[in-house]
Amino acid sequence: MKPSLGDLRAFVTVGELQSFAAAAHALHLSQPALSRRISHLEEMLGVRLFDRTTRSVELTLLGRRFLAQVREAVSDVDRAVQGLQDAVQLEEGDVTVGCVFSAVHHFLPPVIRTFREQHPRVMVRIIEEGADEVLASVKQGECDFALNYIGMQDADVEFTPLLKEPYVLACPATHPLARRKSVAWSELAQYPHARVSQASRNRLLIDQALAKLPALPRPVCEVRHVSTLLGLVEIGLAVAVLPQLTLPPAPASVVGVRLEKPSIGRTIGIVQRRARSLSPAAAAFAGLLAKAGKRGVRAT
């Protein structure tokens, strides 16, 4: 038989307060109930822990040794229980979210702000990487879940769609195409353009969708991340094809124009390890992302 946590907590409290009456009050127990706990513990251990008189309670030598050994253990358990309760109630804790670069800058920050307003003591960690790296972070348990556009066919994860996001033509607000409602892909050949390299999953999606169209002229610049493309567009070096979520909200120096013939898009979703439940903090954050996803995105 092993001592119960209740018996050990009763012993620690009496040992620290040196009083059965004070300990019973602190533990919300009657004095007879507290005495039974101490007697039960002493009987189980086969040792007297306290010397009792009608006027005083003192730890025995072995009682003092035992108190030094179990006091921190009981405190650790109490802290662990309190931490778990706080996490359930979202009073503290943390949530780790993976996110592709294109959704980090403008889609994610408003969600983080709302979450922090609702749960100011919960810390948010963001792992921003490319699509393949973000998927790997989920599968390796580095994050609670992730925002990604790949993983739908992966047996190790669950993919919950949030929104369908179009690829748009990003151009300076002063560009001749900026006031257009839509632009055909074939028209891009008339303007200097930049693009992401083949290392990007976005490039793969675009190339597959445009396989039957004539190739565009050689780009003026090729980069690895879509966030870098946005910088090139901002300074007027070139136009570029970007996911809608990459663009800053209007009014801005860069606008997005709908691309057609064909229209190309991708599905952004929540990716988490299969058969793994989310913590309360992660579930709350995912709920806010779902609300943001329902609002959707639009090209100008």
Protein backbone atom coordinates (compact mmCIF):
# COMPACT_ATOMS: atom_id res chain seq x y z
CA MET A 1 0.00 0.00 0.00
CA LYS A 2 1.13 3.54 -0.73
CA PRO A 3 0.19 6.80 1.02
CA SER A 4 -2.51 8.83 -0.67
CA LEU A 5 -1.90 12.40 -1.75
CA GLY A 6 -4.52 13.50 0.79
CA ASP A 7 -2.67 11.79 3.63
CA LEU A 8 0.64 13.33 2.58
CA ARG A 9 -0.88 16.80 2.23
CA ALA A 10 -2.40 16.45 5.69
CA PHE A 11 1.00 15.47 7.13
CA VAL A 12 2.81 18.37 5.43
CA THR A 13 0.22 20.90 6.60
CA VAL A 14 0.29 19.71 10.22
CA GLY A 15 4.09 19.56 10.14
CA GLU A 16 4.37 23.13 8.85
CA LEU A 17 1.70 24.64 11.12
CA GLN A 18 2.51 22.53 14.20
CA SER A 19 -1.18 22.50 15.01
CA PHE A 20 -4.00 20.09 14.21
CA ALA A 21 -6.58 22.83 14.64
CA ALA A 22 -4.84 25.24 12.25
CA ALA A 23 -4.16 22.47 9.72
CA ALA A 24 -7.77 21.26 9.82
CA HIS A 25 -8.93 24.81 9.14
CA ALA A 26 -6.46 25.23 6.26
CA LEU A 27 -7.50 21.92 4.70
CA HIS A 28 -11.24 22.43 5.31
CA LEU A 29 -11.38 19.21 7.35
CA SER A 30 -12.73 18.44 10.79
CA GLN A 31 -10.06 17.73 13.41
CA PRO A 32 -11.19 14.08 13.81
CA ALA A 33 -10.94 13.56 10.04
CA LEU A 34 -7.47 15.09 9.98
CA SER A 35 -6.37 12.94 12.93
CA ARG A 36 -7.59 9.83 11.12
CA ARG A 37 -5.51 10.77 8.06
CA ILE A 38 -2.35 11.19 10.16
CA SER A 39 -3.00 7.96 12.08
CA HIS A 40 -3.60 6.12 8.81
CA LEU A 41 -0.33 7.43 7.39
CA GLU A 42 1.64 6.50 10.51
CA GLU A 43 0.12 3.02 10.53
CA MET A 44 0.92 2.52 6.87
CA LEU A 45 4.53 3.72 7.27
CA GLY A 46 5.03 1.91 10.56
CA VAL A 47 6.51 4.96 12.24
CA ARG A 48 5.37 7.73 14.58
CA LEU A 49 5.56 11.11 12.79
CA PHE A 50 4.34 13.40 15.58
CA ASP A 51 4.69 13.54 19.35
CA ARG A 52 1.31 14.77 20.61
CA THR A 53 0.30 16.18 23.94
CA THR A 54 -2.85 18.02 24.92
CA ARG A 55 -1.01 21.29 24.42
CA SER A 56 1.44 20.74 21.56
CA VAL A 57 2.29 18.83 18.41
CA GLU A 58 5.92 18.26 17.45
CA LEU A 59 7.52 16.34 14.63
CA THR A 60 9.60 13.36 15.62
CA LEU A 61 13.12 13.05 14.23
CA LEU A 62 11.89 10.73 11.50
CA GLY A 63 8.92 13.01 10.97
CA ARG A 64 11.22 15.98 10.31
CA ARG A 65 13.22 13.93 7.80
CA PHE A 66 10.07 12.75 6.07
CA LEU A 67 8.65 16.28 5.91
CA ALA A 68 11.81 17.55 4.21
CA GLN A 69 11.48 14.80 1.61
CA VAL A 70 7.77 15.02 0.79
CA ARG A 71 7.07 18.76 1.16
CA GLU A 72 8.44 19.65 -2.30
CA ALA A 73 6.79 16.61 -3.89
CA VAL A 74 3.36 17.66 -2.64
CA SER A 75 4.02 21.24 -3.76
CA ASP A 76 5.02 19.98 -7.22
CA VAL A 77 1.79 18.05 -7.54
CA ASP A 78 -0.26 21.05 -6.40
CA ARG A 79 1.51 23.31 -8.90
CA ALA A 80 0.97 20.80 -11.68
CA VAL A 81 -2.73 20.52 -10.89
CA GLN A 82 -3.09 24.29 -10.69
CA GLY A 83 -1.23 24.71 -13.97
CA LEU A 84 -3.51 22.19 -15.64
CA GLN A 85 -6.60 23.95 -14.29
CA ASP A 86 -5.26 27.30 -15.46
CA ALA A 87 -4.60 25.87 -18.90
CA VAL A 88 -8.11 24.44 -19.13
CA GLN A 89 -9.53 27.81 -18.12
CA LEU A 90 -7.06 29.61 -20.44
CA GLU A 91 -5.64 31.57 -17.53
CA GLU A 92 -2.10 30.74 -18.59
CA GLY A 93 -0.14 28.44 -20.87
CA ASP A 94 0.87 28.68 -24.48
CA VAL A 95 -0.10 27.66 -27.99
CA THR A 96 2.34 26.98 -30.84
CA VAL A 97 1.12 27.50 -34.40
CA GLY A 98 2.96 26.72 -37.61
CA CYS A 99 2.22 29.00 -40.54
CA VAL A 100 3.32 29.36 -44.15
CA PHE A 101 5.08 32.66 -44.88
CA SER A 102 2.30 33.99 -47.11
CA ALA A 103 -0.28 33.89 -44.30
CA VAL A 104 1.95 35.26 -41.52
CA HIS A 105 2.14 38.96 -42.30
CA HIS A 106 -1.47 40.08 -42.76
CA PHE A 107 -3.87 37.19 -42.06
CA LEU A 108 -2.44 35.90 -38.77
CA PRO A 109 -1.68 39.09 -36.76
CA PRO A 110 -5.35 40.20 -36.34
CA VAL A 111 -6.21 36.72 -35.06
CA ILE A 112 -3.33 36.87 -32.57
CA ARG A 113 -4.52 40.29 -31.38
CA THR A 114 -8.07 39.02 -30.79
CA PHE A 115 -6.78 35.93 -29.00
CA ARG A 116 -4.57 38.00 -26.74
CA GLU A 117 -7.46 40.31 -25.90
CA GLN A 118 -9.50 37.31 -24.80
CA HIS A 119 -6.68 35.35 -23.13
CA PRO A 120 -3.93 37.80 -22.14
CA ARG A 121 -1.95 35.27 -20.09
CA VAL A 122 -1.61 32.69 -22.85
CA MET A 123 1.52 33.08 -24.95
CA VAL A 124 1.38 32.49 -28.72
CA ARG A 125 4.38 30.99 -30.51
CA ILE A 126 4.56 31.13 -34.30
CA ILE A 127 6.72 28.85 -36.45
CA GLU A 128 6.85 30.54 -39.85
CA GLU A 129 8.34 28.42 -42.60
CA GLY A 130 7.72 27.17 -46.12
CA ALA A 131 4.87 24.74 -46.75
CA ASP A 132 6.99 21.56 -46.48
CA GLU A 133 8.74 22.71 -43.31
CA VAL A 134 5.44 23.70 -41.68
CA LEU A 135 3.95 20.29 -42.47
CA ALA A 136 7.02 18.62 -40.97
CA SER A 137 6.69 20.72 -37.79
CA VAL A 138 3.17 19.33 -37.30
CA LYS A 139 4.19 15.72 -37.90
CA GLN A 140 7.17 16.06 -35.54
CA GLY A 141 5.04 17.57 -32.76
CA GLU A 142 6.79 20.94 -32.75
CA CYS A 143 3.50 22.82 -32.96
CA ASP A 144 -0.09 22.23 -31.87
CA PHE A 145 -1.35 22.72 -35.41
CA ALA A 146 -0.50 24.74 -38.50
CA LEU A 147 -1.91 26.89 -41.27
CA ASN A 148 -0.91 25.34 -44.56
CA TYR A 149 -2.09 24.61 -48.08
CA ILE A 150 -0.56 21.12 -48.33
CA GLY A 151 -1.24 17.98 -46.31
CA MET A 152 -4.68 17.01 -47.62
CA GLN A 153 -3.34 13.72 -48.97
CA ASP A 154 -1.01 12.97 -46.04
CA ALA A 155 -2.21 10.01 -43.96
CA ASP A 156 -0.41 11.27 -40.83
CA VAL A 157 -2.36 14.52 -40.51
CA GLU A 158 -5.88 15.87 -40.61
CA PHE A 159 -6.57 18.81 -42.92
CA THR A 160 -9.55 21.05 -42.09
CA PRO A 161 -10.22 23.62 -44.86
CA LEU A 162 -10.53 27.24 -43.74
CA LEU A 163 -10.75 29.26 -46.95
CA LYS A 164 -10.12 29.16 -50.66
CA GLU A 165 -7.54 31.75 -51.60
CA PRO A 166 -6.99 32.99 -55.18
CA TYR A 167 -3.65 33.84 -56.73
CA VAL A 168 -3.77 37.47 -57.85
CA LEU A 169 -1.62 39.85 -59.83
CA ALA A 170 0.20 42.12 -57.38
CA CYS A 171 1.14 45.48 -58.85
CA PRO A 172 1.82 49.01 -57.58
CA ALA A 173 -1.31 51.09 -57.04
CA THR A 174 -0.11 53.41 -59.82
CA HIS A 175 0.37 50.59 -62.37
CA PRO A 176 -1.79 50.58 -65.56
CA LEU A 177 -3.38 47.27 -64.50
CA ALA A 178 -4.15 48.38 -60.93
CA ARG A 179 -7.65 49.71 -61.77
CA ARG A 180 -8.65 46.64 -63.76
CA LYS A 181 -11.22 44.22 -62.31
CA SER A 182 -9.39 41.26 -63.82
CA VAL A 183 -6.37 40.44 -65.95
CA ALA A 184 -5.83 37.43 -68.24
CA TRP A 185 -2.61 35.48 -67.76
CA SER A 186 -1.66 36.12 -71.37
CA GLU A 187 -1.52 39.89 -70.69
CA LEU A 188 1.34 39.50 -68.23
CA ALA A 189 3.77 39.03 -71.12
CA GLN A 190 3.60 42.79 -71.73
CA TYR A 191 5.06 43.73 -68.34
CA PRO A 192 8.26 42.96 -66.41
CA HIS A 193 7.47 40.30 -63.84
CA ALA A 194 9.14 38.48 -60.97
CA ARG A 195 8.36 35.01 -59.66
CA VAL A 196 9.20 32.47 -56.97
CA SER A 197 11.70 29.73 -57.68
CA GLN A 198 10.89 26.07 -58.15
CA ALA A 199 11.78 25.54 -54.49
CA SER A 200 8.41 27.08 -53.62
CA ARG A 201 5.24 25.01 -53.47
CA ASN A 202 3.41 28.04 -54.88
CA ARG A 203 5.49 27.80 -58.05
CA LEU A 204 4.54 24.13 -58.42
CA LEU A 205 0.82 24.91 -58.14
CA ILE A 206 1.06 27.74 -60.66
CA ASP A 207 3.14 25.78 -63.18
CA GLN A 208 0.73 22.86 -63.06
CA ALA A 209 -2.26 25.12 -63.66
CA LEU A 210 -0.59 26.93 -66.56
CA ALA A 211 0.96 23.90 -68.24
CA LYS A 212 -1.11 24.35 -71.42
CA LEU A 213 -0.50 28.10 -71.80
CA PRO A 214 2.46 29.70 -73.60
CA ALA A 215 5.37 30.36 -71.27
CA LEU A 216 5.80 33.90 -69.99
CA PRO A 217 8.96 35.82 -70.90
CA ARG A 218 12.04 35.43 -68.73
CA PRO A 219 11.40 37.15 -65.35
CA VAL A 220 13.45 40.11 -64.20
CA CYS A 221 13.98 38.44 -60.83
CA GLU A 222 13.39 35.06 -59.19
CA VAL A 223 13.19 34.66 -55.40
CA ARG A 224 12.53 31.90 -52.90
CA HIS A 225 9.65 33.37 -50.86
CA VAL A 226 6.47 35.20 -51.85
CA SER A 227 7.08 37.80 -49.13
CA THR A 228 10.20 38.87 -51.04
CA LEU A 229 8.14 39.24 -54.22
CA LEU A 230 5.92 41.72 -52.44
CA GLY A 231 8.95 43.91 -51.73
CA LEU A 232 9.93 43.90 -55.39
CA VAL A 233 6.42 44.94 -56.39
CA GLU A 234 6.37 47.72 -53.78
CA ILE A 235 9.40 49.43 -55.33
CA GLY A 236 7.93 49.12 -58.83
CA LEU A 237 10.54 46.70 -60.17
CA ALA A 238 7.98 44.21 -61.49
CA VAL A 239 4.50 42.77 -61.17
CA ALA A 240 4.13 39.34 -59.57
CA VAL A 241 1.64 36.57 -58.97
CA LEU A 242 0.96 36.20 -55.25
CA PRO A 243 -1.52 34.46 -52.95
CA GLN A 244 -4.16 36.97 -51.87
CA LEU A 245 -3.27 36.62 -48.18
CA THR A 246 0.19 38.04 -48.88
CA LEU A 247 -1.17 41.47 -49.77
CA PRO A 248 -1.64 44.19 -47.15
CA PRO A 249 -5.18 45.44 -46.53
CA ALA A 250 -6.36 48.43 -48.55
CA PRO A 251 -5.44 51.20 -48.86
CA ALA A 252 -1.88 50.17 -49.67
CA SER A 253 0.87 50.85 -52.18
CA VAL A 254 0.32 47.39 -53.68
CA VAL A 255 -3.02 46.08 -54.96
CA GLY A 256 -4.17 42.66 -56.10
CA VAL A 257 -6.07 42.16 -59.35
CA ARG A 258 -8.00 38.98 -60.08
CA LEU A 259 -6.30 36.68 -62.58
CA GLU A 260 -8.41 34.68 -65.02
CA LYS A 261 -8.18 32.37 -68.03
CA PRO A 262 -7.56 30.37 -65.94
CA SER A 263 -8.39 31.31 -62.35
CA ILE A 264 -5.99 29.64 -59.93
CA GLY A 265 -6.32 29.24 -56.19
CA ARG A 266 -5.29 27.17 -53.22
CA THR A 267 -7.04 25.97 -50.06
CA ILE A 268 -5.68 27.12 -46.72
CA GLY A 269 -6.53 24.85 -43.82
CA ILE A 270 -5.69 23.79 -40.29
CA VAL A 271 -3.31 20.83 -40.23
CA GLN A 272 -2.87 18.75 -37.10
CA ARG A 273 -1.58 15.29 -36.28
CA ARG A 274 -4.21 12.64 -36.84
CA ALA A 275 -6.09 11.40 -33.76
CA ARG A 276 -4.49 14.06 -31.52
CA SER A 277 -6.82 16.41 -29.66
CA LEU A 278 -5.95 20.08 -29.31
CA SER A 279 -5.26 21.70 -25.96
CA PRO A 280 -7.87 24.22 -24.77
CA ALA A 281 -5.61 27.11 -25.81
CA ALA A 282 -4.94 25.62 -29.25
CA ALA A 283 -8.63 24.86 -29.75
CA ALA A 284 -9.56 28.45 -28.86
CA PHE A 285 -6.99 29.83 -31.29
CA ALA A 286 -8.14 27.45 -34.04
CA GLY A 287 -11.71 28.63 -33.46
CA LEU A 288 -10.69 32.24 -34.09
CA LEU A 289 -8.88 31.18 -37.25
CA ALA A 290 -12.03 29.44 -38.45
CA LYS A 291 -14.01 32.66 -37.95
CA ALA A 292 -11.39 34.64 -39.83
CA GLY A 293 -11.49 32.08 -42.63
CA LYS A 294 -15.25 32.45 -43.03
CA ARG A 295 -14.76 36.13 -43.77
CA GLY A 296 -12.68 35.02 -46.76
CA VAL A 297 -10.43 37.05 -49.03
CA ARG A 298 -11.10 39.02 -52.19
CA ALA A 299 -9.10 40.51 -54.99
CA THR A 300 -9.81 44.10 -55.95
